[in-house]
Amino acid sequence: MAPLALFVSFYVATLILLTWLRFPFIQWTGLISVSVATAVTAALWDRGRWPLGLFVPPRLAVPELLFGSAFGAALIAMCAALVMLSTAVWHERGAGFPWREVLIVYLPAAVHEELLFRGYAFQKLHRWHRGFALVFVALVFAALHMGNSAVSWLGLANIFLGGLLLGLAYERYGRLWFPIGLHLAWNVTSGPILGHEVSGYDSMATVFVERGSGPAFLTGGEFGIEGSVWMTLTELAAIALLWRRNVVSRM
């Protein structure tokens, strides 16, 4: 599809330009690039009238963001509890909450990935074919994590399921605030709060520190909790819940 090719071209071109200019913050580089690609493509192809689901009144955005944040935090907490119950892993007090890292890394990363994978391109595909959009974008989402540190096949499968979950989260309201909240809270609860690696990434400081050990398929190993089979079951349950609610909301 022409608008998708245009979107990808502007995204990659902006990313290359900012990298060449040595823009200091890599996560903000991605966010700026996807913002430029979205704005320019929508302006050229849709005359600036594409309903992205981002610029909405606070009465819609705030509750959906908070609901997504609570949902994401609850899913990670449930999975972490299952890991502790089935292994010798526990948590003890860490250095504290890394506010600066959250603002420089975690916040722009979550917004960047949601605009890239649940924004303009996904929405175009979704209007064409819902099932293809959900599965194809989730596959691309997982494929782009293949180079992450300590990645495993189980971890990639869980990233794919996470992509499906976030696609359904967008569907729930047809806006981006719910998936942004879910994605951000998912990562922040995993890393800065509980002290797990986040898709192989280690936070500089955490509220709690993970101690102990167990089989990698249960703990997730060095890839983090997203590499655990408990995450697989948690995501499948969340997908089933959102799928059911989305179907009911269409009736």
Foldseek 3Di string as FASTA:
>chain_A
DVLLVQLVVQLVVQLVVCVVVPPPFNLVSLLVSNVRSVQVSCCVPVVRPDPFQEPDDCVPQVVLLVLLQVVLLVLLVVLVVQLVVVFVKDKDFWDAFDPVCCVRPLLSNLNSCCCVLVGDNLVVVCVVPVVCSLQVSLLVQLVVLVPAPPDDPLLSVLSSLVSNLLNLQCLLVVHRSNSSSNRSSNQCSFAQERNWAAQLHHDPIHRIHMDHDDDCQQQVPNRTSSNHVSSVVSSVVSSVVSVVSSVVVVD
